[in-house]
Each structure stands twice: as C-alpha cells, then as structure tokens.
Amino acid sequence: SRVAEAQALGYLALLGNASEEQTLIQAGIDRARFLATVLPDDSANVFITLTARELNPVVEIIARAESPSTQKKLLRSGANRVVLPALIGATKIATMITCPSAEDLLQETTGTAHLNEELRQIGLEMTEIDIKAGSPLDGQTVGDVEFGAAGFVVVALKRPDGSMIRAPQPETTLAPGDTFIILGHEAAFPQVARKAKAKGITSFRGASV
C-alpha cells in the first residue's frame, strides 16, 4: 500500500528484496549513479553491497552499519562510504554536553545536526572557547584575536546573558564570561584555549587545560 501511495504521488517506487539480483536490475542498477543500502541488518547491507558492486562496478555505494566492526567488511565488499548512525548520534550527544554553544549555533544557522561531521571530512571543526577572568584576551577585540591567527576564524560570540552575536565585527571587545565560537583546524584550538585561560586554568571541550 505504501508503494502504491508513492507511485500515485509520482515517485519511483519498487517493492522487492534488494539482496536479489533481479530486484536490483529491475530498479536500474546498471545505470545508477548512487546506491544507498540502509537496512538495520549489517549482514543484509554487506550482501546487497556485494551484489550491487558485481552488477555495476562504477556505482557509488553508501552503506549503513550498526556495528563499527562491519565498516571494514562493507568497504571490502565494495562500499565507497559507510555511515554509522549510532556513532553519529553519540558524537552529537557528546557535543551537546561539552560544547553547547557551538551546537546551538549549528542548529540555529544551518538547521542540520551533521555540519561538524561534514566539516571534519575536510579537516575543519567548529568549537567554543570560554574567556576567563584574568585572561590575556580580556579587553581585546575580535580583530586582535584573529590578527596573525593561524588556522581559525571567529564566527560567533556568545555573551554571558545568552545573546549570540554572529559574524562579530573586528572591533567587538571580549570580556570574561564571553564564549567565542571558532571555525578552523583542530590543531589551532589548544593554542587559543591557552590564551583564554586565567592563570593556568581554562576550559577546552569541557576539560581543564
């Protein structure tokens, strides 16, 4: 009934066992650019990947895995990329705990929970740095922080009252209790965190440095 409803709405839909060659052929595997196998059964996804790769050597296969140990099997079976929903979910929860301001910014400005995952694909990440009382950054401007900086830019500033300044101007002054959110290479973050510390203590991803 769901297939009939989809077809009535003009969608291409097919009911069949995707692990069978005939079903994949009927679906057009020979001319497909992409195939996504996202069943909650790792064994089924491996078998579908193997079958699809034999039928189309150049199709881009994106496979789902419930267990991290299945990732290598899927890649060996012919998958180009493997997605682990449980791992992504766990990473998101951890980010919400350790970097809530960064997570709020992502949700409000992009509407996607996976932006940081996508940024990591190209070697970038977004995180937050808290400014403590007595920090060398107290009284400096956003421009001072960014001037000569290697590997990051300030994309937002969160005030102690919870207000968010997106794309702060270079002349915006920093103060204790502020949290600035930066985008850049992860290797640059510890250096910035050290400058934000107060006499040896700072918070970087929820930990003391």
N, C-alpha and C. Protein backbone atom coordinates (compact mmCIF):
# COMPACT_ATOMS: atom_id res chain seq x y z
N SER A 1 0.83 -1.21 0.00
CA SER A 1 0.00 0.00 0.00
C SER A 1 0.87 1.26 0.00
N ARG A 2 2.02 1.21 0.67
CA ARG A 2 2.91 2.37 0.70
C ARG A 2 3.54 2.60 -0.67
N VAL A 3 3.90 1.51 -1.36
CA VAL A 3 4.46 1.64 -2.71
C VAL A 3 3.42 2.24 -3.64
N ALA A 4 2.18 1.75 -3.53
CA ALA A 4 1.10 2.27 -4.38
C ALA A 4 0.86 3.75 -4.11
N GLU A 5 0.92 4.13 -2.85
CA GLU A 5 0.73 5.54 -2.49
C GLU A 5 1.84 6.40 -3.06
N ALA A 6 3.09 5.92 -2.98
CA ALA A 6 4.22 6.67 -3.51
C ALA A 6 4.11 6.81 -5.03
N GLN A 7 3.72 5.72 -5.68
CA GLN A 7 3.58 5.77 -7.14
C GLN A 7 2.47 6.71 -7.55
N ALA A 8 1.40 6.75 -6.76
CA ALA A 8 0.28 7.65 -7.06
C ALA A 8 0.69 9.11 -6.95
N LEU A 9 1.70 9.37 -6.12
CA LEU A 9 2.20 10.74 -5.95
C LEU A 9 3.28 11.08 -6.97
N GLY A 10 3.58 10.13 -7.86
CA GLY A 10 4.55 10.38 -8.91
C GLY A 10 5.97 9.97 -8.59
N TYR A 11 6.19 9.30 -7.45
CA TYR A 11 7.53 8.84 -7.10
C TYR A 11 7.82 7.50 -7.76
N LEU A 12 9.11 7.25 -8.00
CA LEU A 12 9.53 5.94 -8.49
C LEU A 12 9.69 5.02 -7.29
N ALA A 13 8.94 3.95 -7.24
CA ALA A 13 8.97 3.04 -6.09
C ALA A 13 8.87 1.61 -6.58
N LEU A 14 9.54 0.73 -5.88
CA LEU A 14 9.58 -0.69 -6.27
C LEU A 14 9.60 -1.53 -5.00
N LEU A 15 8.77 -2.56 -4.97
CA LEU A 15 8.74 -3.47 -3.84
C LEU A 15 9.47 -4.75 -4.21
N GLY A 16 10.49 -5.10 -3.43
CA GLY A 16 11.25 -6.31 -3.74
C GLY A 16 12.37 -6.51 -2.74
N ASN A 17 13.03 -7.65 -2.84
CA ASN A 17 14.16 -7.98 -1.98
C ASN A 17 15.44 -7.45 -2.63
N ALA A 18 16.05 -6.46 -2.01
CA ALA A 18 17.21 -5.80 -2.61
C ALA A 18 18.44 -6.67 -2.66
N SER A 19 18.43 -7.80 -1.94
CA SER A 19 19.58 -8.69 -1.98
C SER A 19 19.54 -9.62 -3.20
N GLU A 20 18.44 -9.58 -3.94
CA GLU A 20 18.30 -10.41 -5.13
C GLU A 20 18.70 -9.61 -6.37
N GLU A 21 19.48 -10.22 -7.23
CA GLU A 21 19.96 -9.54 -8.44
C GLU A 21 18.83 -8.99 -9.27
N GLN A 22 17.77 -9.77 -9.43
CA GLN A 22 16.67 -9.37 -10.30
C GLN A 22 16.01 -8.08 -9.82
N THR A 23 15.92 -7.93 -8.50
CA THR A 23 15.31 -6.71 -7.95
C THR A 23 16.18 -5.49 -8.26
N LEU A 24 17.49 -5.64 -8.09
CA LEU A 24 18.40 -4.53 -8.38
C LEU A 24 18.39 -4.19 -9.87
N ILE A 25 18.32 -5.22 -10.70
CA ILE A 25 18.27 -4.98 -12.14
C ILE A 25 16.99 -4.26 -12.51
N GLN A 26 15.88 -4.69 -11.90
CA GLN A 26 14.59 -4.04 -12.17
C GLN A 26 14.61 -2.58 -11.72
N ALA A 27 15.35 -2.32 -10.66
CA ALA A 27 15.44 -0.95 -10.14
C ALA A 27 16.38 -0.09 -10.98
N GLY A 28 17.17 -0.70 -11.87
CA GLY A 28 18.05 0.07 -12.75
C GLY A 28 19.47 0.19 -12.25
N ILE A 29 19.98 -0.86 -11.58
CA ILE A 29 21.33 -0.80 -11.04
C ILE A 29 22.38 -0.57 -12.12
N ASP A 30 22.12 -1.02 -13.32
CA ASP A 30 23.11 -0.91 -14.40
C ASP A 30 23.36 0.54 -14.81
N ARG A 31 22.39 1.42 -14.58
CA ARG A 31 22.55 2.83 -14.97
C ARG A 31 22.57 3.77 -13.75
N ALA A 32 22.56 3.20 -12.56
CA ALA A 32 22.50 4.01 -11.34
C ALA A 32 23.83 4.71 -11.07
N ARG A 33 23.76 5.93 -10.59
CA ARG A 33 24.95 6.66 -10.15
C ARG A 33 25.23 6.39 -8.68
N PHE A 34 24.16 6.24 -7.88
CA PHE A 34 24.30 6.00 -6.45
C PHE A 34 23.40 4.86 -6.01
N LEU A 35 23.84 4.15 -4.98
CA LEU A 35 23.00 3.17 -4.31
C LEU A 35 23.21 3.33 -2.81
N ALA A 36 22.12 3.48 -2.08
CA ALA A 36 22.19 3.57 -0.62
C ALA A 36 21.52 2.34 -0.03
N THR A 37 22.28 1.56 0.71
CA THR A 37 21.72 0.41 1.40
C THR A 37 21.72 0.71 2.89
N VAL A 38 20.53 0.91 3.44
CA VAL A 38 20.41 1.46 4.80
C VAL A 38 19.53 0.59 5.70
N LEU A 39 19.55 -0.72 5.48
CA LEU A 39 18.78 -1.61 6.33
C LEU A 39 19.41 -1.70 7.71
N PRO A 40 18.61 -2.00 8.76
CA PRO A 40 19.17 -2.13 10.11
C PRO A 40 19.87 -3.47 10.34
N ASP A 41 20.08 -4.22 9.26
CA ASP A 41 20.73 -5.54 9.31
C ASP A 41 22.08 -5.44 8.59
N ASP A 42 23.17 -5.52 9.33
CA ASP A 42 24.50 -5.36 8.73
C ASP A 42 24.79 -6.43 7.69
N SER A 43 24.39 -7.67 7.96
CA SER A 43 24.64 -8.76 7.02
C SER A 43 23.94 -8.51 5.69
N ALA A 44 22.70 -8.02 5.77
CA ALA A 44 21.95 -7.73 4.55
C ALA A 44 22.61 -6.61 3.76
N ASN A 45 23.11 -5.58 4.46
CA ASN A 45 23.77 -4.48 3.77
C ASN A 45 25.06 -4.94 3.09
N VAL A 46 25.79 -5.85 3.73
CA VAL A 46 27.00 -6.39 3.11
C VAL A 46 26.65 -7.17 1.85
N PHE A 47 25.61 -8.00 1.93
CA PHE A 47 25.22 -8.81 0.78
C PHE A 47 24.72 -7.95 -0.37
N ILE A 48 23.93 -6.94 -0.06
CA ILE A 48 23.43 -6.03 -1.10
C ILE A 48 24.60 -5.28 -1.75
N THR A 49 25.56 -4.86 -0.95
CA THR A 49 26.74 -4.17 -1.47
C THR A 49 27.51 -5.06 -2.43
N LEU A 50 27.74 -6.30 -2.04
CA LEU A 50 28.45 -7.25 -2.91
C LEU A 50 27.72 -7.45 -4.23
N THR A 51 26.40 -7.65 -4.13
CA THR A 51 25.60 -7.91 -5.34
C THR A 51 25.60 -6.69 -6.26
N ALA A 52 25.40 -5.51 -5.68
CA ALA A 52 25.35 -4.29 -6.48
C ALA A 52 26.69 -4.01 -7.15
N ARG A 53 27.79 -4.25 -6.42
CA ARG A 53 29.11 -3.98 -6.99
C ARG A 53 29.40 -4.90 -8.17
N GLU A 54 28.93 -6.13 -8.09
CA GLU A 54 29.12 -7.06 -9.22
C GLU A 54 28.33 -6.62 -10.43
N LEU A 55 27.14 -6.06 -10.20
CA LEU A 55 26.27 -5.65 -11.31
C LEU A 55 26.67 -4.30 -11.90
N ASN A 56 27.32 -3.46 -11.10
CA ASN A 56 27.72 -2.13 -11.58
C ASN A 56 29.04 -1.74 -10.91
N PRO A 57 30.16 -1.92 -11.58
CA PRO A 57 31.47 -1.66 -10.98
C PRO A 57 31.74 -0.20 -10.63
N VAL A 58 30.96 0.73 -11.21
CA VAL A 58 31.26 2.15 -11.00
C VAL A 58 30.22 2.87 -10.15
N VAL A 59 29.16 2.20 -9.74
CA VAL A 59 28.13 2.87 -8.94
C VAL A 59 28.71 3.29 -7.59
N GLU A 60 28.31 4.45 -7.10
CA GLU A 60 28.73 4.94 -5.78
C GLU A 60 27.83 4.32 -4.73
N ILE A 61 28.39 3.52 -3.83
CA ILE A 61 27.60 2.80 -2.84
C ILE A 61 27.83 3.41 -1.46
N ILE A 62 26.74 3.83 -0.84
CA ILE A 62 26.77 4.35 0.52
C ILE A 62 26.02 3.35 1.39
N ALA A 63 26.68 2.80 2.40
CA ALA A 63 26.09 1.73 3.20
C ALA A 63 25.99 2.13 4.67
N ARG A 64 24.97 1.62 5.30
CA ARG A 64 24.77 1.84 6.73
C ARG A 64 25.33 0.65 7.51
N ALA A 65 25.90 0.94 8.67
CA ALA A 65 26.39 -0.12 9.55
C ALA A 65 25.96 0.17 10.98
N GLU A 66 25.46 -0.83 11.64
CA GLU A 66 25.10 -0.68 13.04
C GLU A 66 26.33 -0.89 13.93
N SER A 67 27.18 -1.81 13.55
CA SER A 67 28.37 -2.12 14.33
C SER A 67 29.61 -1.58 13.65
N PRO A 68 30.51 -0.90 14.39
CA PRO A 68 31.75 -0.39 13.78
C PRO A 68 32.59 -1.50 13.14
N SER A 69 32.48 -2.72 13.66
CA SER A 69 33.27 -3.82 13.10
C SER A 69 32.82 -4.19 11.69
N THR A 70 31.61 -3.78 11.32
CA THR A 70 31.09 -4.09 9.98
C THR A 70 31.63 -3.13 8.93
N GLN A 71 32.17 -2.00 9.36
CA GLN A 71 32.62 -0.98 8.42
C GLN A 71 33.66 -1.54 7.44
N LYS A 72 34.67 -2.25 7.95
CA LYS A 72 35.70 -2.80 7.07
C LYS A 72 35.12 -3.83 6.10
N LYS A 73 34.16 -4.62 6.58
CA LYS A 73 33.55 -5.62 5.71
C LYS A 73 32.80 -4.96 4.56
N LEU A 74 32.10 -3.88 4.86
CA LEU A 74 31.36 -3.18 3.81
C LEU A 74 32.31 -2.54 2.80
N LEU A 75 33.40 -1.97 3.29
CA LEU A 75 34.38 -1.37 2.38
C LEU A 75 35.03 -2.43 1.50
N ARG A 76 35.35 -3.58 2.09
CA ARG A 76 35.92 -4.66 1.30
C ARG A 76 34.92 -5.23 0.30
N SER A 77 33.64 -5.11 0.64
CA SER A 77 32.59 -5.64 -0.24
C SER A 77 32.29 -4.72 -1.41
N GLY A 78 32.83 -3.50 -1.35
CA GLY A 78 32.63 -2.59 -2.47
C GLY A 78 31.97 -1.27 -2.13
N ALA A 79 31.66 -1.04 -0.86
CA ALA A 79 31.05 0.24 -0.48
C ALA A 79 32.09 1.36 -0.59
N ASN A 80 31.65 2.51 -1.08
CA ASN A 80 32.54 3.68 -1.16
C ASN A 80 32.58 4.43 0.16
N ARG A 81 31.43 4.50 0.82
CA ARG A 81 31.35 5.19 2.10
C ARG A 81 30.43 4.41 3.04
N VAL A 82 30.73 4.49 4.31
CA VAL A 82 29.94 3.80 5.33
C VAL A 82 29.49 4.81 6.39
N VAL A 83 28.23 4.77 6.74
CA VAL A 83 27.68 5.66 7.75
C VAL A 83 27.26 4.82 8.96
N LEU A 84 27.67 5.26 10.14
CA LEU A 84 27.30 4.58 11.38
C LEU A 84 26.38 5.51 12.19
N PRO A 85 25.06 5.35 12.08
CA PRO A 85 24.13 6.26 12.76
C PRO A 85 24.33 6.31 14.26
N ALA A 86 24.63 5.17 14.90
CA ALA A 86 24.80 5.16 16.36
C ALA A 86 26.00 6.01 16.76
N LEU A 87 27.09 5.93 15.98
CA LEU A 87 28.28 6.71 16.28
C LEU A 87 28.01 8.20 16.09
N ILE A 88 27.29 8.54 15.02
CA ILE A 88 26.95 9.94 14.77
C ILE A 88 26.09 10.49 15.90
N GLY A 89 25.12 9.67 16.35
CA GLY A 89 24.25 10.09 17.45
C GLY A 89 25.03 10.29 18.73
N ALA A 90 25.95 9.40 19.02
CA ALA A 90 26.76 9.52 20.23
C ALA A 90 27.64 10.76 20.19
N THR A 91 28.21 11.04 19.01
CA THR A 91 29.05 12.23 18.84
C THR A 91 28.24 13.50 19.05
N LYS A 92 27.01 13.51 18.54
CA LYS A 92 26.15 14.67 18.70
C LYS A 92 25.81 14.91 20.17
N ILE A 93 25.49 13.83 20.90
CA ILE A 93 25.16 13.97 22.32
C ILE A 93 26.37 14.52 23.08
N ALA A 94 27.55 13.99 22.78
CA ALA A 94 28.77 14.45 23.45
C ALA A 94 29.01 15.93 23.16
N THR A 95 28.76 16.34 21.91
CA THR A 95 28.96 17.74 21.54
C THR A 95 27.98 18.65 22.27
N MET A 96 26.74 18.19 22.43
CA MET A 96 25.73 18.97 23.14
C MET A 96 26.12 19.18 24.60
N ILE A 97 26.86 18.20 25.18
CA ILE A 97 27.28 18.29 26.57
C ILE A 97 28.51 19.16 26.71
N THR A 98 29.53 18.91 25.85
CA THR A 98 30.82 19.58 26.02
C THR A 98 30.89 20.95 25.35
N CYS A 99 30.15 21.13 24.25
CA CYS A 99 30.19 22.41 23.52
C CYS A 99 28.78 22.86 23.19
N PRO A 100 27.96 23.18 24.19
CA PRO A 100 26.56 23.52 23.90
C PRO A 100 26.39 24.75 23.03
N SER A 101 27.25 25.76 23.20
CA SER A 101 27.10 26.97 22.39
C SER A 101 27.35 26.69 20.92
N ALA A 102 28.38 25.87 20.64
CA ALA A 102 28.67 25.52 19.25
C ALA A 102 27.52 24.74 18.66
N GLU A 103 26.94 23.83 19.45
CA GLU A 103 25.82 23.04 18.95
C GLU A 103 24.61 23.91 18.69
N ASP A 104 24.33 24.86 19.61
CA ASP A 104 23.21 25.78 19.40
C ASP A 104 23.41 26.58 18.12
N LEU A 105 24.62 27.05 17.90
CA LEU A 105 24.91 27.85 16.70
C LEU A 105 24.65 27.02 15.45
N LEU A 106 25.08 25.77 15.46
CA LEU A 106 24.87 24.92 14.28
C LEU A 106 23.40 24.74 14.02
N GLN A 107 22.62 24.48 15.06
CA GLN A 107 21.20 24.24 14.89
C GLN A 107 20.48 25.48 14.36
N GLU A 108 20.85 26.65 14.91
CA GLU A 108 20.13 27.86 14.55
C GLU A 108 20.50 28.36 13.16
N THR A 109 21.72 28.20 12.74
CA THR A 109 22.17 28.81 11.49
C THR A 109 22.09 27.88 10.29
N THR A 110 22.08 26.58 10.52
CA THR A 110 22.10 25.67 9.37
C THR A 110 20.94 24.71 9.35
N GLY A 111 20.33 24.46 10.51
CA GLY A 111 19.24 23.51 10.54
C GLY A 111 19.70 22.08 10.35
N THR A 112 20.97 21.83 10.44
CA THR A 112 21.47 20.46 10.29
C THR A 112 22.34 20.10 11.46
N ALA A 113 22.17 18.86 11.93
CA ALA A 113 22.95 18.40 13.08
C ALA A 113 24.26 17.78 12.65
N HIS A 114 24.48 17.71 11.35
CA HIS A 114 25.65 16.99 10.85
C HIS A 114 26.73 17.90 10.28
N LEU A 115 26.61 19.20 10.50
CA LEU A 115 27.58 20.11 9.89
C LEU A 115 29.00 19.83 10.37
N ASN A 116 29.16 19.61 11.68
CA ASN A 116 30.51 19.35 12.18
C ASN A 116 31.07 18.07 11.59
N GLU A 117 30.22 17.07 11.41
CA GLU A 117 30.69 15.84 10.77
C GLU A 117 31.18 16.13 9.36
N GLU A 118 30.45 16.95 8.64
CA GLU A 118 30.83 17.28 7.27
C GLU A 118 32.12 18.12 7.26
N LEU A 119 32.25 19.02 8.24
CA LEU A 119 33.46 19.84 8.31
C LEU A 119 34.69 18.96 8.56
N ARG A 120 34.52 17.94 9.39
CA ARG A 120 35.66 17.06 9.70
C ARG A 120 36.14 16.31 8.46
N GLN A 121 35.23 16.12 7.50
CA GLN A 121 35.62 15.43 6.27
C GLN A 121 36.69 16.22 5.53
N ILE A 122 36.72 17.54 5.74
CA ILE A 122 37.71 18.37 5.05
C ILE A 122 38.73 18.96 6.03
N GLY A 123 38.81 18.35 7.23
CA GLY A 123 39.83 18.74 8.18
C GLY A 123 39.52 19.96 9.02
N LEU A 124 38.25 20.36 9.07
CA LEU A 124 37.87 21.53 9.86
C LEU A 124 36.93 21.11 10.99
N GLU A 125 36.77 22.00 11.95
CA GLU A 125 35.85 21.75 13.05
C GLU A 125 35.43 23.07 13.66
N MET A 126 34.25 23.08 14.30
CA MET A 126 33.76 24.26 14.98
C MET A 126 33.69 23.95 16.48
N THR A 127 34.23 24.84 17.30
CA THR A 127 34.20 24.62 18.74
C THR A 127 34.11 25.96 19.45
N GLU A 128 33.99 25.89 20.78
CA GLU A 128 33.84 27.12 21.56
C GLU A 128 34.97 27.25 22.57
N ILE A 129 35.32 28.49 22.88
CA ILE A 129 36.36 28.79 23.86
C ILE A 129 35.79 29.78 24.87
N ASP A 130 35.88 29.45 26.16
CA ASP A 130 35.40 30.33 27.22
C ASP A 130 36.52 31.29 27.65
N ILE A 131 36.18 32.55 27.86
CA ILE A 131 37.15 33.54 28.31
C ILE A 131 37.01 33.70 29.82
N LYS A 132 38.10 33.44 30.53
CA LYS A 132 38.09 33.53 31.99
C LYS A 132 38.58 34.90 32.45
N ALA A 133 38.23 35.25 33.68
CA ALA A 133 38.73 36.50 34.27
C ALA A 133 40.25 36.41 34.39
N GLY A 134 40.93 37.48 34.00
CA GLY A 134 42.39 37.49 34.04
C GLY A 134 43.03 36.93 32.80
N SER A 135 42.21 36.55 31.84
CA SER A 135 42.74 36.02 30.58
C SER A 135 43.42 37.13 29.78
N PRO A 136 44.49 36.80 29.05
CA PRO A 136 45.12 37.79 28.16
C PRO A 136 44.16 38.31 27.10
N LEU A 137 43.07 37.57 26.86
CA LEU A 137 42.12 38.00 25.84
C LEU A 137 41.10 39.00 26.40
N ASP A 138 41.04 39.15 27.73
CA ASP A 138 40.11 40.09 28.34
C ASP A 138 40.45 41.51 27.88
N GLY A 139 39.47 42.17 27.27
CA GLY A 139 39.67 43.52 26.78
C GLY A 139 40.15 43.61 25.35
N GLN A 140 40.59 42.49 24.79
CA GLN A 140 40.99 42.52 23.39
C GLN A 140 39.75 42.49 22.49
N THR A 141 39.98 42.73 21.23
CA THR A 141 38.88 42.71 20.26
C THR A 141 38.95 41.42 19.44
N VAL A 142 37.86 41.17 18.74
CA VAL A 142 37.83 40.01 17.83
C VAL A 142 38.94 40.13 16.80
N GLY A 143 39.18 41.36 16.34
CA GLY A 143 40.24 41.58 15.37
C GLY A 143 41.61 41.24 15.94
N ASP A 144 41.82 41.56 17.25
CA ASP A 144 43.09 41.21 17.90
C ASP A 144 43.30 39.71 17.91
N VAL A 145 42.23 38.97 18.19
CA VAL A 145 42.33 37.51 18.27
C VAL A 145 42.64 36.91 16.91
N GLU A 146 41.99 37.46 15.88
CA GLU A 146 42.16 36.90 14.55
C GLU A 146 43.43 37.36 13.87
N PHE A 147 43.97 38.51 14.29
CA PHE A 147 45.14 39.06 13.61
C PHE A 147 46.33 38.11 13.78
N GLY A 148 46.86 37.68 12.69
CA GLY A 148 48.00 36.79 12.72
C GLY A 148 47.67 35.37 13.14
N ALA A 149 46.37 35.09 13.31
CA ALA A 149 45.97 33.74 13.73
C ALA A 149 46.21 32.75 12.62
N ALA A 150 46.63 31.57 13.00
CA ALA A 150 46.87 30.51 12.02
C ALA A 150 45.83 29.42 12.18
N GLY A 151 44.98 29.29 11.19
CA GLY A 151 44.12 28.12 11.16
C GLY A 151 42.73 28.27 11.71
N PHE A 152 42.26 29.50 12.04
CA PHE A 152 40.88 29.62 12.52
C PHE A 152 40.35 31.03 12.31
N VAL A 153 39.02 31.15 12.36
CA VAL A 153 38.33 32.44 12.33
C VAL A 153 37.23 32.41 13.38
N VAL A 154 36.90 33.57 13.94
CA VAL A 154 35.81 33.69 14.91
C VAL A 154 34.51 33.87 14.13
N VAL A 155 33.56 32.94 14.34
CA VAL A 155 32.31 33.00 13.58
C VAL A 155 31.14 33.52 14.42
N ALA A 156 31.29 33.48 15.75
CA ALA A 156 30.21 33.98 16.61
C ALA A 156 30.75 34.25 18.00
N LEU A 157 30.00 35.06 18.74
CA LEU A 157 30.37 35.40 20.11
C LEU A 157 29.11 35.32 20.97
N LYS A 158 29.20 34.53 22.05
CA LYS A 158 28.07 34.37 22.95
C LYS A 158 28.35 35.12 24.23
N ARG A 159 27.43 36.05 24.59
CA ARG A 159 27.58 36.83 25.81
C ARG A 159 27.06 36.04 27.01
N PRO A 160 27.46 36.45 28.23
CA PRO A 160 27.01 35.74 29.43
C PRO A 160 25.48 35.69 29.58
N ASP A 161 24.77 36.68 29.01
CA ASP A 161 23.31 36.69 29.13
C ASP A 161 22.64 35.74 28.13
N GLY A 162 23.46 35.04 27.32
CA GLY A 162 22.91 34.09 26.37
C GLY A 162 22.71 34.63 24.97
N SER A 163 22.88 35.93 24.79
CA SER A 163 22.72 36.52 23.46
C SER A 163 23.87 36.10 22.56
N MET A 164 23.58 35.93 21.28
CA MET A 164 24.57 35.46 20.32
C MET A 164 24.83 36.53 19.27
N ILE A 165 26.10 36.85 19.07
CA ILE A 165 26.50 37.80 18.02
C ILE A 165 27.15 36.98 16.90
N ARG A 166 26.47 36.88 15.78
CA ARG A 166 27.02 36.13 14.66
C ARG A 166 27.89 37.05 13.80
N ALA A 167 28.97 36.50 13.29
CA ALA A 167 29.91 37.27 12.47
C ALA A 167 30.27 38.57 13.17
N PRO A 168 30.83 38.52 14.40
CA PRO A 168 31.15 39.75 15.13
C PRO A 168 32.14 40.61 14.38
N GLN A 169 31.97 41.92 14.52
CA GLN A 169 32.86 42.88 13.87
C GLN A 169 34.24 42.84 14.53
N PRO A 170 35.29 43.17 13.79
CA PRO A 170 36.65 43.13 14.35
C PRO A 170 36.81 43.99 15.60
N GLU A 171 36.03 45.08 15.71
CA GLU A 171 36.18 45.97 16.86
C GLU A 171 35.40 45.50 18.09
N THR A 172 34.66 44.39 17.99
CA THR A 172 33.90 43.87 19.13
C THR A 172 34.85 43.46 20.26
N THR A 173 34.60 43.98 21.46
CA THR A 173 35.50 43.73 22.59
C THR A 173 35.10 42.47 23.35
N LEU A 174 36.11 41.71 23.77
CA LEU A 174 35.89 40.48 24.53
C LEU A 174 35.97 40.77 26.02
N ALA A 175 35.20 39.99 26.80
CA ALA A 175 35.19 40.19 28.24
C ALA A 175 35.04 38.83 28.94
N PRO A 176 35.41 38.75 30.21
CA PRO A 176 35.24 37.49 30.94
C PRO A 176 33.79 37.02 30.92
N GLY A 177 33.60 35.73 30.75
CA GLY A 177 32.25 35.18 30.65
C GLY A 177 31.79 35.02 29.22
N ASP A 178 32.47 35.70 28.29
CA ASP A 178 32.13 35.53 26.87
C ASP A 178 32.60 34.16 26.39
N THR A 179 31.92 33.67 25.39
CA THR A 179 32.33 32.43 24.72
C THR A 179 32.41 32.73 23.24
N PHE A 180 33.60 32.58 22.65
CA PHE A 180 33.66 32.79 21.21
C PHE A 180 33.77 31.45 20.49
N ILE A 181 33.06 31.38 19.40
CA ILE A 181 32.95 30.14 18.64
C ILE A 181 33.81 30.29 17.39
N ILE A 182 34.72 29.34 17.21
CA ILE A 182 35.68 29.46 16.12
C ILE A 182 35.57 28.28 15.16
N LEU A 183 35.91 28.55 13.94
CA LEU A 183 35.95 27.53 12.89
C LEU A 183 37.36 27.47 12.36
N GLY A 184 37.90 26.27 12.31
CA GLY A 184 39.26 26.15 11.80
C GLY A 184 39.82 24.76 11.95
N HIS A 185 41.13 24.67 11.85
CA HIS A 185 41.81 23.39 12.01
C HIS A 185 41.94 23.07 13.48
N GLU A 186 41.66 21.83 13.84
CA GLU A 186 41.65 21.43 15.24
C GLU A 186 42.98 21.70 15.93
N ALA A 187 44.08 21.61 15.19
CA ALA A 187 45.40 21.81 15.80
C ALA A 187 45.57 23.22 16.36
N ALA A 188 44.79 24.17 15.86
CA ALA A 188 44.92 25.56 16.32
C ALA A 188 44.16 25.81 17.62
N PHE A 189 43.24 24.93 18.00
CA PHE A 189 42.37 25.20 19.14
C PHE A 189 43.09 25.26 20.48
N PRO A 190 44.00 24.31 20.80
CA PRO A 190 44.66 24.39 22.10
C PRO A 190 45.42 25.69 22.34
N GLN A 191 46.03 26.23 21.28
CA GLN A 191 46.78 27.49 21.42
C GLN A 191 45.84 28.63 21.81
N VAL A 192 44.66 28.66 21.19
CA VAL A 192 43.68 29.70 21.52
C VAL A 192 43.17 29.50 22.94
N ALA A 193 42.94 28.23 23.31
CA ALA A 193 42.44 27.93 24.65
C ALA A 193 43.41 28.40 25.72
N ARG A 194 44.70 28.25 25.47
CA ARG A 194 45.70 28.70 26.45
C ARG A 194 45.64 30.21 26.65
N LYS A 195 45.40 30.95 25.57
CA LYS A 195 45.31 32.40 25.69
C LYS A 195 44.06 32.84 26.46
N ALA A 196 43.03 31.99 26.44
CA ALA A 196 41.78 32.34 27.12
C ALA A 196 41.79 31.98 28.58
N LYS A 197 42.83 31.29 29.04
CA LYS A 197 42.85 30.79 30.41
C LYS A 197 43.13 31.90 31.41
N ALA A 198 42.82 31.58 32.67
CA ALA A 198 43.09 32.52 33.76
C ALA A 198 44.10 31.88 34.70
N LYS A 199 45.33 32.32 34.60
CA LYS A 199 46.38 31.84 35.49
C LYS A 199 46.50 30.32 35.50
N GLY A 200 46.49 29.71 34.32
CA GLY A 200 46.76 28.28 34.25
C GLY A 200 45.57 27.37 34.12
N ILE A 201 44.34 27.94 34.21
CA ILE A 201 43.16 27.09 34.10
C ILE A 201 42.27 27.62 33.00
N THR A 202 41.85 26.73 32.13
CA THR A 202 40.90 27.11 31.09
C THR A 202 40.01 25.93 30.79
N SER A 203 38.93 26.19 30.10
CA SER A 203 38.02 25.12 29.73
C SER A 203 38.08 24.92 28.24
N PHE A 204 38.51 23.75 27.83
CA PHE A 204 38.57 23.42 26.41
C PHE A 204 37.84 22.11 26.21
N ARG A 205 36.67 22.18 25.56
CA ARG A 205 35.82 21.00 25.38
C ARG A 205 35.43 20.38 26.71
N GLY A 206 35.16 21.24 27.67
CA GLY A 206 34.68 20.76 28.94
C GLY A 206 35.73 20.27 29.89
N ALA A 207 37.03 20.34 29.53
CA ALA A 207 38.10 19.82 30.37
C ALA A 207 39.03 20.96 30.76
N SER A 208 39.70 20.81 31.88
CA SER A 208 40.69 21.79 32.31
C SER A 208 42.00 21.54 31.60
N VAL A 209 42.65 22.63 31.15
CA VAL A 209 43.92 22.51 30.44
C VAL A 209 44.96 23.31 31.19
